[in-house]
Structure formats: structure tokens, C-alpha cells
Amino acid sequence: MKVAEHPHRNTVRVIGQLLLIALYLVSLCLPAIHLEPENGGGLYDPRGWIPGFGCLVFPCCVPWLFPPWWANPFFFTGMVRLNQNQVTPAFWWGLAATFVSLTISFVPTVTALGPGYFTWVGCMIGLVLLAFHTHLKSQQAKER
């Protein structure tokens, strides 16, 4: 039996995707960003940490968070592509998600980044690494 025909050749990819989804869910529970309102407040006056779930569900409440929010659909598009064994598009979607998630540094009201943010970015980087690893394994299988 060739390696490419082995029934467990996608095990690393499947386990990796499950771990990335679990890590993503953990990031939603952790404090992600600390906001200070511009000009002392207004209608939206958060003084403290916002969990990742709040950033995911209510990006319109904090307009400055909207550009980094796009990393979420990019991440899930990459995960779907990887699940369909479309490794190259998954890699590029993961890379786009990583770069878009790093745009949080341009948000003027974010005063600190918490463990939820770093866990979330780790998921984006994990997708890139998993897609790259899957690509290398598929290339090795073709060579045999």
C-alpha cells in the first residue's frame, strides 16, 4: 500500500483542524482587548476588558474593530478549503486572516491586548502552518 493511499494520511490535518476550532472557541472566552473610549465616552463607554465573544458578535459597537474582524470569515473560509483538501487556497486565506488580524495595532482606542487576542491570532497562524504542513505531506506522497 502506498502512502498516498493510506487511510490515515489526513489524520494530522483533521486533528489539527479540530484543535484550531477548540483554540478559537477558547479565545472567545478570554479577555481580548482593553478599550478606552475616545473623548471620555459617549453612547458606548466600555471601561475594561472585552472578551473575544463580544468582539466577534458586536464589531459594529466598536467601529474601529471592524477591519480586524474580517479575519474571522477569512479564517473559516481557509478552514473549509483545507477540509476540502484545497491546500493552496487554505494557505492564502490563512495568511490573509493573519495579516488582517494584526491590523488591531492601528485601532486608536485599544490600550492593551489580552490573552484572547493572542490566542485568536495563534489560530490564524496555526491555519497557515497546518496548510503548509499538509502541502508538504502531499508533495512527499506524490514523490513516492
C-alpha atoms as a PDB file:
ATOM      1  CA  MET A   1       0.000   0.000   0.000  1.00  0.00           C
ATOM      2  CA  LYS A   2       1.365   3.405  -0.991  1.00  0.00           C
ATOM      3  CA  VAL A   3       1.493   6.264   1.489  1.00  0.00           C
ATOM      4  CA  ALA A   4      -0.925   8.319  -0.649  1.00  0.00           C
ATOM      5  CA  GLU A   5      -3.483   5.506  -0.378  1.00  0.00           C
ATOM      6  CA  HIS A   6      -3.089   5.038   3.358  1.00  0.00           C
ATOM      7  CA  PRO A   7      -6.404   5.615   5.200  1.00  0.00           C
ATOM      8  CA  HIS A   8      -4.765   7.702   7.961  1.00  0.00           C
ATOM      9  CA  ARG A   9      -2.832  10.135   5.777  1.00  0.00           C
ATOM     10  CA  ASN A  10      -5.168  13.024   6.627  1.00  0.00           C
ATOM     11  CA  THR A  11      -5.147  12.385  10.378  1.00  0.00           C
ATOM     12  CA  VAL A  12      -2.785  15.249  11.168  1.00  0.00           C
ATOM     13  CA  ARG A  13      -4.930  17.659   9.142  1.00  0.00           C
ATOM     14  CA  VAL A  14      -8.179  16.581  10.801  1.00  0.00           C
ATOM     15  CA  ILE A  15      -6.746  16.639  14.327  1.00  0.00           C
ATOM     16  CA  GLY A  16      -5.083  19.984  13.599  1.00  0.00           C
ATOM     17  CA  GLN A  17      -8.360  21.475  12.406  1.00  0.00           C
ATOM     18  CA  LEU A  18     -10.197  20.205  15.483  1.00  0.00           C
ATOM     19  CA  LEU A  19      -7.529  21.721  17.730  1.00  0.00           C
ATOM     20  CA  LEU A  20      -7.724  25.042  15.881  1.00  0.00           C
ATOM     21  CA  ILE A  21     -11.507  25.160  16.304  1.00  0.00           C
ATOM     22  CA  ALA A  22     -11.159  24.336  20.010  1.00  0.00           C
ATOM     23  CA  LEU A  23      -8.492  27.027  20.408  1.00  0.00           C
ATOM     24  CA  TYR A  24     -10.710  29.512  18.570  1.00  0.00           C
ATOM     25  CA  LEU A  25     -13.581  28.766  20.969  1.00  0.00           C
ATOM     26  CA  VAL A  26     -11.229  29.234  23.939  1.00  0.00           C
ATOM     27  CA  SER A  27     -10.144  32.617  22.543  1.00  0.00           C
ATOM     28  CA  LEU A  28     -13.773  33.763  22.596  1.00  0.00           C
ATOM     29  CA  CYS A  29     -13.922  33.246  26.369  1.00  0.00           C
ATOM     30  CA  LEU A  30     -10.711  35.080  27.229  1.00  0.00           C
ATOM     31  CA  PRO A  31     -10.296  38.842  27.606  1.00  0.00           C
ATOM     32  CA  ALA A  32      -9.198  40.085  24.199  1.00  0.00           C
ATOM     33  CA  ILE A  33      -8.781  43.849  24.224  1.00  0.00           C
ATOM     34  CA  HIS A  34      -8.889  46.724  26.656  1.00  0.00           C
ATOM     35  CA  LEU A  35     -10.661  49.789  25.327  1.00  0.00           C
ATOM     36  CA  GLU A  36     -10.640  53.374  26.442  1.00  0.00           C
ATOM     37  CA  PRO A  37     -13.393  55.421  24.825  1.00  0.00           C
ATOM     38  CA  GLU A  38     -12.425  58.446  22.786  1.00  0.00           C
ATOM     39  CA  ASN A  39     -13.303  61.799  24.337  1.00  0.00           C
ATOM     40  CA  GLY A  40     -14.412  60.246  27.594  1.00  0.00           C
ATOM     41  CA  GLY A  41     -17.234  58.070  26.369  1.00  0.00           C
ATOM     42  CA  GLY A  42     -20.473  58.791  24.636  1.00  0.00           C
ATOM     43  CA  LEU A  43     -23.113  56.173  23.981  1.00  0.00           C
ATOM     44  CA  TYR A  44     -20.576  53.377  24.045  1.00  0.00           C
ATOM     45  CA  ASP A  45     -18.480  53.594  27.167  1.00  0.00           C
ATOM     46  CA  PRO A  46     -16.542  50.391  27.839  1.00  0.00           C
ATOM     47  CA  ARG A  47     -14.010  50.765  30.565  1.00  0.00           C
ATOM     48  CA  GLY A  48     -12.240  47.493  30.818  1.00  0.00           C
ATOM     49  CA  TRP A  49     -11.654  44.238  29.023  1.00  0.00           C
ATOM     50  CA  ILE A  50     -13.901  42.997  26.255  1.00  0.00           C
ATOM     51  CA  PRO A  51     -13.969  39.223  25.763  1.00  0.00           C
ATOM     52  CA  GLY A  52     -13.358  37.742  22.352  1.00  0.00           C
ATOM     53  CA  PHE A  53     -17.011  36.763  22.017  1.00  0.00           C
ATOM     54  CA  GLY A  54     -18.041  40.414  22.332  1.00  0.00           C
ATOM     55  CA  CYS A  55     -15.600  41.405  19.611  1.00  0.00           C
ATOM     56  CA  LEU A  56     -16.923  38.638  17.351  1.00  0.00           C
ATOM     57  CA  VAL A  57     -20.626  39.299  17.797  1.00  0.00           C
ATOM     58  CA  PHE A  58     -20.668  43.097  18.131  1.00  0.00           C
ATOM     59  CA  PRO A  59     -17.979  44.564  15.838  1.00  0.00           C
ATOM     60  CA  CYS A  60     -20.336  47.381  14.869  1.00  0.00           C
ATOM     61  CA  CYS A  61     -20.417  48.590  18.504  1.00  0.00           C
ATOM     62  CA  VAL A  62     -16.731  49.378  18.255  1.00  0.00           C
ATOM     63  CA  PRO A  63     -16.347  50.712  14.691  1.00  0.00           C
ATOM     64  CA  TRP A  64     -12.569  50.670  14.884  1.00  0.00           C
ATOM     65  CA  LEU A  65     -12.659  46.895  15.370  1.00  0.00           C
ATOM     66  CA  PHE A  66     -14.383  46.266  12.088  1.00  0.00           C
ATOM     67  CA  PRO A  67     -11.242  45.853   9.878  1.00  0.00           C
ATOM     68  CA  PRO A  68      -9.609  43.218  12.139  1.00  0.00           C
ATOM     69  CA  TRP A  69     -12.971  41.473  12.449  1.00  0.00           C
ATOM     70  CA  TRP A  70     -12.679  40.349   8.819  1.00  0.00           C
ATOM     71  CA  ALA A  71     -10.021  37.867   9.909  1.00  0.00           C
ATOM     72  CA  ASN A  72     -12.865  35.663  11.203  1.00  0.00           C
ATOM     73  CA  PRO A  73     -14.529  34.928   7.838  1.00  0.00           C
ATOM     74  CA  PHE A  74     -11.092  34.623   6.230  1.00  0.00           C
ATOM     75  CA  PHE A  75     -10.122  32.054   8.875  1.00  0.00           C
ATOM     76  CA  PHE A  76     -13.280  29.994   8.412  1.00  0.00           C
ATOM     77  CA  THR A  77     -13.014  30.141   4.621  1.00  0.00           C
ATOM     78  CA  GLY A  78      -9.476  28.797   4.927  1.00  0.00           C
ATOM     79  CA  MET A  79     -10.647  26.045   7.281  1.00  0.00           C
ATOM     80  CA  VAL A  80     -13.355  24.974   4.812  1.00  0.00           C
ATOM     81  CA  ARG A  81     -10.851  24.991   1.956  1.00  0.00           C
ATOM     82  CA  LEU A  82      -8.425  22.897   3.985  1.00  0.00           C
ATOM     83  CA  ASN A  83     -11.203  20.471   4.831  1.00  0.00           C
ATOM     84  CA  GLN A  84     -11.840  20.109   1.085  1.00  0.00           C
ATOM     85  CA  ASN A  85      -8.111  19.369   0.543  1.00  0.00           C
ATOM     86  CA  GLN A  86      -7.652  22.665  -1.290  1.00  0.00           C
ATOM     87  CA  VAL A  87      -4.374  23.322   0.468  1.00  0.00           C
ATOM     88  CA  THR A  88      -3.040  26.283  -1.516  1.00  0.00           C
ATOM     89  CA  PRO A  89      -6.200  28.414  -1.155  1.00  0.00           C
ATOM     90  CA  ALA A  90      -6.345  27.458   2.541  1.00  0.00           C
ATOM     91  CA  PHE A  91      -2.783  28.702   2.981  1.00  0.00           C
ATOM     92  CA  TRP A  92      -3.560  32.051   1.328  1.00  0.00           C
ATOM     93  CA  TRP A  93      -6.808  32.519   3.279  1.00  0.00           C
ATOM     94  CA  GLY A  94      -4.912  31.784   6.485  1.00  0.00           C
ATOM     95  CA  LEU A  95      -2.188  34.253   5.554  1.00  0.00           C
ATOM     96  CA  ALA A  96      -4.789  36.922   4.780  1.00  0.00           C
ATOM     97  CA  ALA A  97      -6.517  36.214   8.114  1.00  0.00           C
ATOM     98  CA  THR A  98      -3.212  36.560   9.942  1.00  0.00           C
ATOM     99  CA  PHE A  99      -2.354  39.916   8.376  1.00  0.00           C
ATOM    100  CA  VAL A 100      -5.864  41.313   8.811  1.00  0.00           C
ATOM    101  CA  SER A 101      -5.911  40.238  12.468  1.00  0.00           C
ATOM    102  CA  LEU A 102      -2.715  42.187  13.060  1.00  0.00           C
ATOM    103  CA  THR A 103      -4.381  45.442  11.986  1.00  0.00           C
ATOM    104  CA  ILE A 104      -5.622  45.779  15.572  1.00  0.00           C
ATOM    105  CA  SER A 105      -2.439  47.744  16.221  1.00  0.00           C
ATOM    106  CA  PHE A 106      -3.959  50.610  14.197  1.00  0.00           C
ATOM    107  CA  VAL A 107      -7.059  50.831  16.406  1.00  0.00           C
ATOM    108  CA  PRO A 108      -6.625  54.036  18.423  1.00  0.00           C
ATOM    109  CA  THR A 109      -8.888  53.113  21.340  1.00  0.00           C
ATOM    110  CA  VAL A 110      -7.259  49.758  22.112  1.00  0.00           C
ATOM    111  CA  THR A 111      -4.930  50.331  25.039  1.00  0.00           C
ATOM    112  CA  ALA A 112      -3.904  46.717  25.732  1.00  0.00           C
ATOM    113  CA  LEU A 113      -4.128  43.291  24.134  1.00  0.00           C
ATOM    114  CA  GLY A 114      -5.097  40.299  26.231  1.00  0.00           C
ATOM    115  CA  PRO A 115      -4.676  36.533  26.041  1.00  0.00           C
ATOM    116  CA  GLY A 116      -7.863  36.171  23.986  1.00  0.00           C
ATOM    117  CA  TYR A 117      -6.386  38.275  21.210  1.00  0.00           C
ATOM    118  CA  PHE A 118      -3.108  36.365  21.157  1.00  0.00           C
ATOM    119  CA  THR A 119      -4.932  33.025  21.198  1.00  0.00           C
ATOM    120  CA  TRP A 120      -7.108  34.237  18.326  1.00  0.00           C
ATOM    121  CA  VAL A 121      -4.082  35.302  16.266  1.00  0.00           C
ATOM    122  CA  GLY A 122      -2.484  31.949  17.116  1.00  0.00           C
ATOM    123  CA  CYS A 123      -5.421  30.247  15.401  1.00  0.00           C
ATOM    124  CA  MET A 124      -4.762  32.242  12.232  1.00  0.00           C
ATOM    125  CA  ILE A 125      -1.072  31.355  12.299  1.00  0.00           C
ATOM    126  CA  GLY A 126      -1.968  27.737  13.081  1.00  0.00           C
ATOM    127  CA  LEU A 127      -4.082  27.577   9.919  1.00  0.00           C
ATOM    128  CA  VAL A 128      -1.146  28.788   7.831  1.00  0.00           C
ATOM    129  CA  LEU A 129       1.188  26.223   9.403  1.00  0.00           C
ATOM    130  CA  LEU A 130      -1.317  23.382   9.077  1.00  0.00           C
ATOM    131  CA  ALA A 131      -1.944  24.168   5.415  1.00  0.00           C
ATOM    132  CA  PHE A 132       1.803  24.330   4.769  1.00  0.00           C
ATOM    133  CA  HIS A 133       2.361  21.021   6.588  1.00  0.00           C
ATOM    134  CA  THR A 134      -0.455  19.384   4.605  1.00  0.00           C
ATOM    135  CA  HIS A 135       1.075  20.683   1.377  1.00  0.00           C
ATOM    136  CA  LEU A 136       4.487  19.241   2.280  1.00  0.00           C
ATOM    137  CA  LYS A 137       2.989  15.863   3.158  1.00  0.00           C
ATOM    138  CA  SER A 138       1.041  15.731  -0.102  1.00  0.00           C
ATOM    139  CA  GLN A 139       4.214  16.573  -2.055  1.00  0.00           C
ATOM    140  CA  GLN A 140       6.100  13.780  -0.264  1.00  0.00           C
ATOM    141  CA  ALA A 141       3.300  11.345  -1.045  1.00  0.00           C
ATOM    142  CA  LYS A 142       3.417  12.279  -4.742  1.00  0.00           C
ATOM    143  CA  GLU A 143       7.156  11.683  -4.887  1.00  0.00           C
ATOM    144  CA  ARG A 144       6.861   8.119  -3.608  1.00  0.00           C
END
